Amino acid sequence: MSTNELTLVIDVGGQSIRCILINSNCQIIFSKYLPYSVLVKNSRFIEHNPSEMKKIILILLKRAKKEAKYNQYPICNFALTVQRSTFLCLDKQTFRPLSPVISWQDTRGADLLLQLKIDNQLIRHKTGLIQNSHYGASKFLWCLQNYNLVKSAKDKDRLIIVPLSSYLSHLIDEQNEFRVDPGIAARTMLFNYRDLCWDEILLDLFGVSKNLMVQIYENNKVIERVETIEEVNNTLVIGDQNTVLFSIANSSKNSLFLNLGSGGFLMQATKDNKDQKTGMPNYLQCLLYVKGGIKYYAKEATINGVANAIRWFQSFHKLKVIKSYTQVAKEKNKIMFLNSVGGLGAPYWRSDIEPELIGKSGIDSELKAVYESILFLIKINVDLFNADASLNRIILSGGMANDSLFNQSIADLCNVAVVYTRHYEATAYGAFNLLTDFSHAKSLETWTEVMPRENRELLIRYSLWIEMMESRLNND
């Protein structure tokens, strides 16, 4: 990589789209984000406006090009990082959206999934996933049954179902076909992550024809060019969470990555798609990235309610400002929060439980219970990853990593060292490293490390929370 080349990362998050320019020394020289609308009809229906997202992408590409010109450096590398299970339906002749953008947090297909009664082991073996309505398949079926425009386009052989990454890649590249990388395709629950193809058996089970699906390409071949930036000669399209494991150079195999944004994602690299640990039946085998036929995998656990849970609480009480964990941590109370915001993820995998504050107290005490529920979901998952006591550190990133007391509490609960640095763009740096072959990858040398300390009060609260969860889940 030349010393004067720039890497542009467009990162499509849960509520905003970010544009990040990184120089050849792995330094961010420009960053801007623009929010987009999130339409929450109810706890199961969460949508976005495709036209609004398209407009923001074009604005940010134009702004990045202007910024690069100001710095007198060419943008030679381009990455698009996108939420993995978000999609929409299109007319494949006119490219007109026939549905909203349906969020990964949306679970409208939950009832349909239950009705299908598909064998969990079949889904697990073919996709690496746990059967769940956050993934695309049941939502595809819902759209085919409920949107008249979608049904009409299917009857006329004009329908195509595209991951959000495909829709935006098509906009950026202006190519004639829609493409998707294997890692994002895998989040549809219709993709065979072993053979890297749409699975005929799963497509048939969900009533989705293969001709409705997009073409599969390796991550560096989804976008061939960036139409508005001629200098780009190296591209990448990848799921946003999939880049996190590539964000640090030479991380130990005994490290666990924990990225806390709208949701929380725990990941640990594996050599292949075989589960290396026993006693982990409720975790995902995640296909991260494919290049030159080489596949990269990880074990993954998902917590759906992290920043989403804080926003839920803020909306529930109509608060203009939300306090940090540090600000409410000293509150004394017996309130618990059943954190099923967005559906219960690992290790429970339940989409039929509503969020619930159990007990009554003041706003700050309730907020503390919400923060604690996030900590407790982290602990229960880390403990299962660390069943053989092999973990030596948790590498923490995301917006929640900016609260030092919250980070210390993770270390205390999990009895594992936590390393973090404030405002670390893990997704962008991971994309940068993949595009530049780790030529200037950051290390953990300058990160803050916190060691576990005794925190008996928090462990007692965790035990009570576990009792509450078992009681509530067993009674439903």
Protein backbone atom coordinates (compact mmCIF):
# COMPACT_ATOMS: atom_id res chain seq x y z
CA MET A 1 0.00 0.00 0.00
CA SER A 2 1.38 3.38 -1.02
CA THR A 3 2.05 5.85 1.78
CA ASN A 4 -0.40 8.38 0.34
CA GLU A 5 -3.38 6.12 -0.32
CA LEU A 6 -6.67 6.42 1.54
CA THR A 7 -9.19 3.77 2.54
CA LEU A 8 -12.85 4.73 2.59
CA VAL A 9 -15.19 2.74 4.81
CA ILE A 10 -18.95 3.20 4.59
CA ASP A 11 -20.38 1.60 7.73
CA VAL A 12 -24.15 1.08 7.78
CA GLY A 13 -25.21 0.81 11.41
CA GLY A 14 -28.54 0.32 13.12
CA GLN A 15 -29.50 4.02 13.17
CA SER A 16 -26.90 5.87 11.12
CA ILE A 17 -24.47 5.52 8.24
CA ARG A 18 -20.85 6.51 8.82
CA CYS A 19 -18.21 7.59 6.37
CA ILE A 20 -14.62 7.04 7.57
CA LEU A 21 -11.36 7.88 5.76
CA ILE A 22 -8.22 6.10 6.98
CA ASN A 23 -4.71 6.90 5.81
CA SER A 24 -1.99 4.34 5.09
CA ASN A 25 -0.74 4.56 8.70
CA CYS A 26 -4.12 3.35 9.99
CA GLN A 27 -5.10 6.80 11.25
CA ILE A 28 -8.62 8.14 10.82
CA ILE A 29 -8.37 11.52 9.11
CA PHE A 30 -12.08 12.10 8.55
CA SER A 31 -15.31 10.74 10.01
CA LYS A 32 -18.90 11.78 9.52
CA TYR A 33 -22.21 10.10 10.22
CA LEU A 34 -25.76 10.81 9.14
CA PRO A 35 -28.76 9.30 10.97
CA TYR A 36 -31.63 7.62 9.20
CA SER A 37 -35.17 6.86 10.30
CA VAL A 38 -36.11 3.74 12.25
CA LEU A 39 -39.81 2.95 12.00
CA VAL A 40 -40.87 0.77 14.94
CA LYS A 41 -44.48 -0.27 14.35
CA ASN A 42 -44.35 -2.63 17.32
CA SER A 43 -41.76 -4.86 18.99
CA ARG A 44 -41.74 -7.22 15.98
CA PHE A 45 -41.91 -4.80 13.05
CA ILE A 46 -38.78 -2.64 12.60
CA GLU A 47 -38.21 -0.96 9.23
CA HIS A 48 -36.20 1.66 7.35
CA ASN A 49 -36.82 3.76 4.25
CA PRO A 50 -34.68 2.53 1.31
CA SER A 51 -34.84 5.89 -0.50
CA GLU A 52 -33.53 7.69 2.58
CA MET A 53 -30.63 5.23 2.95
CA LYS A 54 -29.79 5.55 -0.75
CA LYS A 55 -29.72 9.35 -0.47
CA ILE A 56 -27.39 9.24 2.56
CA ILE A 57 -24.95 6.87 0.83
CA LEU A 58 -24.67 9.22 -2.16
CA ILE A 59 -24.17 12.25 0.10
CA LEU A 60 -21.40 10.53 2.06
CA LEU A 61 -19.61 9.29 -1.08
CA LYS A 62 -19.59 12.84 -2.40
CA ARG A 63 -18.35 14.21 0.92
CA ALA A 64 -15.57 11.60 1.14
CA LYS A 65 -14.37 12.43 -2.35
CA LYS A 66 -14.29 16.13 -1.46
CA GLU A 67 -12.34 15.43 1.74
CA ALA A 68 -9.81 13.25 -0.10
CA LYS A 69 -9.28 15.99 -2.67
CA TYR A 70 -8.68 18.48 0.15
CA ASN A 71 -6.03 16.15 1.61
CA GLN A 72 -4.58 15.59 -1.89
CA TYR A 73 -4.59 11.80 -1.47
CA PRO A 74 -6.45 9.32 -3.69
CA ILE A 75 -9.04 6.88 -2.33
CA CYS A 76 -7.69 3.54 -3.54
CA ASN A 77 -9.45 1.16 -1.15
CA PHE A 78 -13.17 0.97 -0.46
CA ALA A 79 -15.19 -1.07 2.04
CA LEU A 80 -18.92 -1.32 2.63
CA THR A 81 -19.82 -2.84 6.00
CA VAL A 82 -23.49 -3.60 6.59
CA GLN A 83 -25.84 -5.25 9.08
CA ARG A 84 -25.98 -8.87 8.10
CA SER A 85 -29.66 -9.85 8.36
CA THR A 86 -31.28 -6.69 6.96
CA PHE A 87 -32.97 -6.95 3.53
CA LEU A 88 -35.66 -5.66 1.17
CA CYS A 89 -37.65 -6.84 -1.85
CA LEU A 90 -37.11 -5.27 -5.27
CA ASP A 91 -38.44 -5.30 -8.81
CA LYS A 92 -35.44 -6.79 -10.62
CA GLN A 93 -36.21 -4.95 -13.85
CA THR A 94 -36.74 -1.43 -12.52
CA PHE A 95 -34.84 -1.86 -9.20
CA ARG A 96 -37.83 -0.23 -7.47
CA PRO A 97 -38.25 -1.23 -3.80
CA LEU A 98 -41.37 -3.32 -3.19
CA SER A 99 -40.98 -3.38 0.58
CA PRO A 100 -39.36 -1.31 3.30
CA VAL A 101 -35.85 -2.20 4.39
CA ILE A 102 -36.61 -4.82 7.03
CA SER A 103 -34.19 -4.63 9.95
CA TRP A 104 -32.19 -7.50 11.41
CA GLN A 105 -34.00 -6.66 14.66
CA ASP A 106 -37.39 -7.36 13.05
CA THR A 107 -39.05 -10.67 14.03
CA ARG A 108 -42.32 -10.50 12.06
CA GLY A 109 -41.79 -14.05 10.80
CA ALA A 110 -41.69 -15.63 14.26
CA ASP A 111 -45.15 -17.23 14.06
CA LEU A 112 -44.52 -18.57 10.58
CA LEU A 113 -41.26 -20.10 11.74
CA LEU A 114 -43.04 -21.92 14.55
CA GLN A 115 -45.69 -23.22 12.15
CA LEU A 116 -43.09 -24.68 9.80
CA LYS A 117 -41.65 -26.91 12.55
CA ILE A 118 -38.28 -27.28 10.82
CA ASP A 119 -35.70 -29.51 12.46
CA ASN A 120 -33.21 -27.41 14.44
CA GLN A 121 -30.37 -29.81 13.71
CA LEU A 122 -30.93 -29.47 9.97
CA ILE A 123 -30.67 -25.67 10.22
CA ARG A 124 -27.62 -25.94 12.46
CA HIS A 125 -25.81 -28.39 10.16
CA LYS A 126 -26.43 -26.51 6.92
CA THR A 127 -26.19 -22.87 8.06
CA GLY A 128 -24.30 -22.82 11.37
CA LEU A 129 -27.20 -20.83 12.83
CA ILE A 130 -29.78 -21.41 15.53
CA GLN A 131 -33.30 -21.36 14.09
CA ASN A 132 -34.48 -17.80 14.76
CA SER A 133 -36.80 -15.20 13.25
CA HIS A 134 -34.12 -12.48 13.21
CA TYR A 135 -32.61 -14.19 10.17
CA GLY A 136 -34.08 -13.61 6.76
CA ALA A 137 -35.90 -16.82 5.80
CA SER A 138 -39.13 -16.48 7.82
CA LYS A 139 -39.33 -12.77 7.00
CA PHE A 140 -38.93 -13.53 3.28
CA LEU A 141 -41.90 -15.87 3.58
CA TRP A 142 -43.89 -13.21 5.46
CA CYS A 143 -43.27 -10.70 2.65
CA LEU A 144 -44.32 -13.24 0.01
CA GLN A 145 -47.60 -13.75 1.86
CA ASN A 146 -48.43 -10.20 2.97
CA TYR A 147 -47.14 -7.56 0.53
CA ASN A 148 -49.31 -7.30 -2.59
CA LEU A 149 -46.53 -5.67 -4.60
CA VAL A 150 -44.20 -8.53 -3.70
CA LYS A 151 -46.78 -11.19 -4.61
CA SER A 152 -47.51 -9.48 -7.92
CA ALA A 153 -43.82 -9.16 -8.83
CA LYS A 154 -43.25 -12.84 -8.02
CA ASP A 155 -46.12 -13.86 -10.29
CA LYS A 156 -44.55 -11.82 -13.11
CA ASP A 157 -41.04 -13.22 -12.45
CA ARG A 158 -39.82 -9.73 -11.53
CA LEU A 159 -39.11 -10.23 -7.84
CA ILE A 160 -35.71 -10.40 -6.22
CA ILE A 161 -35.00 -10.50 -2.47
CA VAL A 162 -31.79 -8.64 -1.68
CA PRO A 163 -29.73 -8.17 1.48
CA LEU A 164 -29.21 -4.49 2.27
CA SER A 165 -25.54 -4.91 1.32
CA SER A 166 -26.61 -6.03 -2.18
CA TYR A 167 -28.96 -3.08 -2.62
CA LEU A 168 -26.26 -0.58 -1.62
CA SER A 169 -23.49 -2.36 -3.57
CA HIS A 170 -25.65 -2.19 -6.69
CA LEU A 171 -26.12 1.55 -6.10
CA ILE A 172 -22.38 2.13 -5.63
CA ASP A 173 -21.17 -0.08 -8.49
CA GLU A 174 -24.09 0.44 -10.90
CA GLN A 175 -23.61 -3.16 -12.04
CA ASN A 176 -26.33 -5.13 -13.80
CA GLU A 177 -26.68 -7.94 -11.25
CA PHE A 178 -27.18 -8.04 -7.51
CA ARG A 179 -24.38 -9.72 -5.56
CA VAL A 180 -23.81 -10.79 -1.98
CA ASP A 181 -20.85 -12.20 -0.09
CA PRO A 182 -21.11 -15.64 1.59
CA GLY A 183 -20.98 -14.23 5.14
CA ILE A 184 -24.04 -12.03 4.67
CA ALA A 185 -25.81 -14.68 2.58
CA ALA A 186 -25.36 -17.05 5.53
CA ARG A 187 -27.59 -14.83 7.71
CA THR A 188 -30.63 -15.60 5.56
CA MET A 189 -30.85 -19.14 7.04
CA LEU A 190 -31.13 -20.37 3.43
CA PHE A 191 -27.42 -20.56 2.61
CA ASN A 192 -25.23 -23.64 3.00
CA TYR A 193 -22.17 -22.25 4.76
CA ARG A 194 -20.16 -25.39 4.05
CA ASP A 195 -20.71 -25.56 0.28
CA LEU A 196 -21.13 -21.77 -0.21
CA CYS A 197 -24.40 -22.01 -2.12
CA TRP A 198 -28.12 -21.46 -1.71
CA ASP A 199 -29.42 -24.67 -0.19
CA GLU A 200 -32.16 -26.34 -2.25
CA ILE A 201 -33.62 -28.20 0.74
CA LEU A 202 -33.90 -25.05 2.88
CA LEU A 203 -35.30 -22.98 0.02
CA ASP A 204 -37.97 -25.63 -0.51
CA LEU A 205 -38.83 -25.80 3.21
CA PHE A 206 -39.39 -22.04 3.34
CA GLY A 207 -41.16 -21.86 -0.01
CA VAL A 208 -38.59 -19.50 -1.53
CA SER A 209 -37.51 -20.08 -5.14
CA LYS A 210 -33.81 -19.95 -5.96
CA ASN A 211 -34.47 -17.42 -8.73
CA LEU A 212 -35.49 -14.91 -6.05
CA MET A 213 -32.01 -14.94 -4.52
CA VAL A 214 -28.94 -12.89 -5.50
CA GLN A 215 -25.65 -14.17 -6.91
CA ILE A 216 -22.85 -15.24 -4.55
CA TYR A 217 -19.40 -13.63 -4.84
CA GLU A 218 -16.36 -13.56 -2.58
CA ASN A 219 -16.11 -10.46 -0.40
CA ASN A 220 -13.57 -8.68 -2.60
CA LYS A 221 -15.62 -9.22 -5.77
CA VAL A 222 -19.08 -8.00 -4.80
CA ILE A 223 -18.20 -4.45 -5.89
CA GLU A 224 -15.91 -4.21 -8.91
CA ARG A 225 -15.66 -0.44 -8.98
CA VAL A 226 -16.97 2.63 -7.18
CA GLU A 227 -18.68 4.56 -9.91
CA THR A 228 -18.13 8.01 -8.36
CA ILE A 229 -14.51 7.45 -7.23
CA GLU A 230 -12.37 6.34 -10.16
CA GLU A 231 -9.15 5.72 -8.19
CA VAL A 232 -10.57 2.77 -6.24
CA ASN A 233 -8.94 -0.51 -7.24
CA ASN A 234 -9.49 -2.65 -4.14
CA THR A 235 -12.92 -3.29 -2.65
CA LEU A 236 -14.61 -5.21 0.16
CA VAL A 237 -18.21 -5.87 1.16
CA ILE A 238 -18.69 -7.59 4.51
CA GLY A 239 -21.01 -7.87 7.49
CA ASP A 240 -20.29 -5.18 10.07
CA GLN A 241 -19.69 -7.58 12.95
CA ASN A 242 -17.59 -9.91 10.79
CA THR A 243 -14.79 -7.36 10.55
CA VAL A 244 -14.30 -7.02 14.30
CA LEU A 245 -12.10 -10.13 14.59
CA PHE A 246 -9.76 -8.59 12.01
CA SER A 247 -9.48 -5.21 13.77
CA ILE A 248 -6.37 -6.09 15.83
CA ALA A 249 -3.06 -7.61 14.74
CA ASN A 250 -1.93 -10.91 16.26
CA SER A 251 -4.77 -11.39 18.72
CA SER A 252 -4.44 -14.60 20.72
CA LYS A 253 -6.64 -17.60 20.00
CA ASN A 254 -7.58 -17.35 23.67
CA SER A 255 -9.06 -13.89 23.18
CA LEU A 256 -12.78 -13.26 22.98
CA PHE A 257 -13.99 -10.25 20.99
CA LEU A 258 -16.98 -8.40 22.42
CA ASN A 259 -18.48 -5.60 20.34
CA LEU A 260 -21.26 -3.61 22.03
CA GLY A 261 -23.43 -1.46 19.79
CA SER A 262 -27.18 -1.70 19.18
CA GLY A 263 -26.70 -5.36 20.03
CA GLY A 264 -23.80 -7.24 21.56
CA PHE A 265 -21.72 -9.77 19.66
CA LEU A 266 -19.25 -12.18 21.22
CA MET A 267 -16.91 -13.83 18.74
CA GLN A 268 -13.96 -16.19 18.86
CA ALA A 269 -12.07 -17.30 15.76
CA THR A 270 -12.06 -20.96 14.76
CA LYS A 271 -10.00 -22.79 12.15
CA ASP A 272 -13.00 -24.32 10.40
CA ASN A 273 -16.76 -24.77 10.65
CA LYS A 274 -16.58 -27.50 13.26
CA ASP A 275 -17.50 -26.58 16.81
CA GLN A 276 -14.23 -26.91 18.71
CA LYS A 277 -15.81 -26.91 22.17
CA THR A 278 -18.34 -29.22 23.71
CA GLY A 279 -21.32 -27.96 25.65
CA MET A 280 -22.02 -25.04 23.27
CA PRO A 281 -25.09 -26.17 21.31
CA ASN A 282 -26.74 -22.74 21.43
CA TYR A 283 -24.04 -20.76 19.69
CA LEU A 284 -23.60 -19.82 16.08
CA GLN A 285 -20.92 -21.01 13.74
CA CYS A 286 -20.37 -17.82 11.77
CA LEU A 287 -18.89 -17.61 8.30
CA LEU A 288 -16.92 -14.37 8.40
CA TYR A 289 -15.11 -13.89 5.14
CA VAL A 290 -14.05 -15.74 1.98
CA LYS A 291 -11.10 -14.86 -0.24
CA GLY A 292 -9.37 -17.05 -2.81
CA GLY A 293 -11.50 -19.97 -1.72
CA ILE A 294 -10.23 -19.72 1.88
CA LYS A 295 -13.03 -19.55 4.46
CA TYR A 296 -12.74 -17.82 7.84
CA TYR A 297 -15.08 -18.87 10.66
CA ALA A 298 -15.91 -17.88 14.22
CA LYS A 299 -18.08 -19.00 17.10
CA GLU A 300 -20.62 -16.29 17.87
CA ALA A 301 -23.13 -15.41 20.56
CA THR A 302 -25.65 -12.61 20.06
CA ILE A 303 -27.19 -10.28 22.66
CA ASN A 304 -29.96 -8.31 20.98
CA GLY A 305 -30.58 -5.71 23.69
CA VAL A 306 -27.55 -3.50 24.38
CA ALA A 307 -27.90 0.11 23.16
CA ASN A 308 -31.30 -1.06 21.90
CA ALA A 309 -32.28 -1.79 25.51
CA ILE A 310 -31.13 1.63 26.67
CA ARG A 311 -33.15 3.26 23.87
CA TRP A 312 -36.15 1.12 24.82
CA PHE A 313 -35.93 2.40 28.40
CA GLN A 314 -35.49 5.99 27.21
CA SER A 315 -38.58 5.70 25.01
CA PHE A 316 -40.56 3.88 27.73
CA HIS A 317 -40.06 6.80 30.14
CA LYS A 318 -39.93 9.50 27.43
CA LEU A 319 -36.54 10.72 28.65
CA LYS A 320 -34.61 13.38 26.74
CA VAL A 321 -31.27 12.47 28.33
CA ILE A 322 -30.09 9.06 29.47
CA LYS A 323 -27.55 8.59 32.26
CA SER A 324 -24.48 6.37 31.98
CA TYR A 325 -23.92 3.21 34.00
CA THR A 326 -21.36 5.06 36.12
CA GLN A 327 -23.98 7.67 37.04
CA VAL A 328 -26.53 5.14 38.33
CA ALA A 329 -24.29 2.29 39.57
CA LYS A 330 -24.55 3.27 43.25
CA GLU A 331 -28.35 3.01 43.29
CA LYS A 332 -29.64 0.43 45.77
CA ASN A 333 -32.61 -1.59 44.60
CA LYS A 334 -34.08 -5.02 44.02
CA ILE A 335 -35.43 -4.34 40.54
CA MET A 336 -34.64 -6.80 37.74
CA PHE A 337 -34.99 -6.35 33.99
CA LEU A 338 -35.95 -9.15 31.65
CA ASN A 339 -33.98 -7.90 28.69
CA SER A 340 -35.75 -9.35 25.68
CA VAL A 341 -35.47 -6.13 23.67
CA GLY A 342 -35.21 -7.32 20.09
CA GLY A 343 -35.84 -10.88 21.30
CA LEU A 344 -33.73 -12.96 23.64
CA GLY A 345 -30.55 -14.05 21.90
CA ALA A 346 -27.89 -16.45 23.15
CA PRO A 347 -28.13 -18.69 25.00
CA TYR A 348 -31.94 -18.59 25.27
CA TRP A 349 -33.07 -17.86 21.69
CA ARG A 350 -36.64 -16.80 22.45
CA SER A 351 -38.60 -14.28 20.39
CA ASP A 352 -41.90 -14.70 22.29
CA ILE A 353 -40.95 -12.85 25.51
CA GLU A 354 -41.74 -9.17 26.06
CA PRO A 355 -39.28 -6.88 27.93
CA GLU A 356 -40.26 -6.39 31.55
CA LEU A 357 -39.11 -4.37 34.54
CA ILE A 358 -39.76 -6.50 37.60
CA GLY A 359 -40.33 -4.44 40.73
CA LYS A 360 -40.90 -0.74 41.22
CA SER A 361 -38.55 2.08 42.11
CA GLY A 362 -37.18 5.35 40.78
CA ILE A 363 -35.96 6.01 37.23
CA ASP A 364 -32.27 5.67 38.13
CA SER A 365 -32.80 2.34 39.88
CA GLU A 366 -34.71 0.99 36.90
CA LEU A 367 -32.01 2.20 34.52
CA LYS A 368 -29.37 0.47 36.62
CA ALA A 369 -31.34 -2.76 36.25
CA VAL A 370 -31.31 -2.36 32.46
CA TYR A 371 -27.53 -1.86 32.44
CA GLU A 372 -27.11 -4.84 34.76
CA SER A 373 -29.18 -7.04 32.45
CA ILE A 374 -26.67 -6.32 29.70
CA LEU A 375 -23.79 -7.21 32.03
CA PHE A 376 -25.54 -10.42 33.08
CA LEU A 377 -26.23 -11.50 29.50
CA ILE A 378 -22.56 -10.90 28.76
CA LYS A 379 -21.53 -13.01 31.76
CA ILE A 380 -23.74 -15.99 31.01
CA ASN A 381 -22.36 -16.12 27.47
CA VAL A 382 -18.72 -15.54 28.42
CA ASP A 383 -18.95 -18.33 31.01
CA LEU A 384 -20.00 -20.78 28.31
CA PHE A 385 -17.20 -19.65 25.98
CA ASN A 386 -14.82 -20.02 28.90
CA ALA A 387 -16.02 -23.40 30.17
CA ASP A 388 -12.49 -24.76 29.92
CA ALA A 389 -10.98 -21.61 31.53
CA SER A 390 -8.91 -20.94 28.39
CA LEU A 391 -9.78 -17.26 27.92
CA ASN A 392 -7.05 -14.83 28.87
CA ARG A 393 -8.77 -11.60 27.84
CA ILE A 394 -11.89 -9.99 26.43
CA ILE A 395 -11.20 -7.44 23.68
CA LEU A 396 -13.96 -4.87 24.07
CA SER A 397 -15.15 -2.39 21.44
CA GLY A 398 -18.26 -0.39 20.58
CA GLY A 399 -20.02 2.58 22.13
CA MET A 400 -20.53 0.93 25.54
CA ALA A 401 -16.76 0.51 25.87
CA ASN A 402 -16.52 4.21 26.71
CA ASP A 403 -17.74 3.66 30.29
CA SER A 404 -14.78 2.49 32.39
CA LEU A 405 -16.92 1.28 35.31
CA PHE A 406 -19.05 -0.80 32.96
CA ASN A 407 -15.85 -2.35 31.55
CA GLN A 408 -14.55 -3.08 35.05
CA SER A 409 -17.86 -4.73 35.90
CA ILE A 410 -17.50 -7.07 32.91
CA ALA A 411 -14.06 -8.11 34.16
CA ASP A 412 -15.36 -8.59 37.71
CA LEU A 413 -18.34 -10.70 36.67
CA CYS A 414 -16.52 -12.84 34.10
CA ASN A 415 -13.25 -13.15 36.05
CA VAL A 416 -11.34 -12.39 32.85
CA ALA A 417 -9.13 -9.39 32.00
CA VAL A 418 -10.78 -6.80 29.75
CA VAL A 419 -8.83 -4.63 27.32
CA TYR A 420 -10.40 -1.59 25.70
CA THR A 421 -9.72 1.82 24.28
CA ARG A 422 -12.18 4.64 23.94
CA HIS A 423 -13.91 5.45 20.65
CA TYR A 424 -12.27 2.54 18.78
CA GLU A 425 -13.74 2.01 15.32
CA ALA A 426 -13.40 -1.78 15.29
CA THR A 427 -15.55 -2.29 12.19
CA ALA A 428 -13.63 0.28 10.14
CA TYR A 429 -10.20 -0.90 11.28
CA GLY A 430 -11.11 -4.51 10.54
CA ALA A 431 -12.13 -3.57 7.02
CA PHE A 432 -8.92 -1.54 6.62
CA ASN A 433 -6.79 -4.51 7.68
CA LEU A 434 -8.51 -6.87 5.25
CA LEU A 435 -8.03 -4.41 2.39
CA THR A 436 -4.36 -3.73 3.21
CA ASP A 437 -3.27 -7.23 4.31
CA PHE A 438 -2.63 -6.02 7.87
CA SER A 439 0.30 -3.87 6.70
CA HIS A 440 -0.34 -1.24 9.39
CA ALA A 441 -2.70 -3.03 11.76
CA LYS A 442 -3.09 -1.70 15.27
CA SER A 443 -2.00 -3.75 18.28
CA LEU A 444 -3.27 -3.82 21.87
CA GLU A 445 -0.12 -2.26 23.32
CA THR A 446 -1.69 1.13 24.02
CA TRP A 447 -5.07 -0.20 25.21
CA THR A 448 -6.25 -0.03 28.80
CA GLU A 449 -6.35 -3.37 30.60
CA VAL A 450 -8.54 -3.92 33.64
CA MET A 451 -8.09 -6.99 35.80
CA PRO A 452 -10.99 -8.69 37.60
CA ARG A 453 -11.50 -7.76 41.21
CA GLU A 454 -13.84 -9.05 43.88
CA ASN A 455 -17.37 -7.71 43.42
CA ARG A 456 -19.58 -9.80 45.69
CA GLU A 457 -22.59 -7.50 45.47
CA LEU A 458 -22.72 -7.72 41.67
CA LEU A 459 -22.32 -11.52 41.72
CA ILE A 460 -25.22 -11.80 44.18
CA ARG A 461 -27.33 -9.65 41.86
CA TYR A 462 -26.36 -11.92 38.98
CA SER A 463 -27.49 -15.02 40.91
CA LEU A 464 -30.84 -13.37 41.63
CA TRP A 465 -31.19 -12.39 37.98
CA ILE A 466 -30.54 -15.99 36.88
CA GLU A 467 -33.28 -17.18 39.25
CA MET A 468 -35.66 -14.59 37.85
CA MET A 469 -34.88 -15.59 34.24
CA GLU A 470 -35.39 -19.28 34.93
CA SER A 471 -38.68 -18.60 36.67
CA ARG A 472 -40.05 -16.32 33.95
CA LEU A 473 -38.92 -18.44 31.00
CA ASN A 474 -40.17 -21.69 32.51
CA ASN A 475 -43.58 -20.18 33.18
CA ASP A 476 -44.06 -18.95 29.60
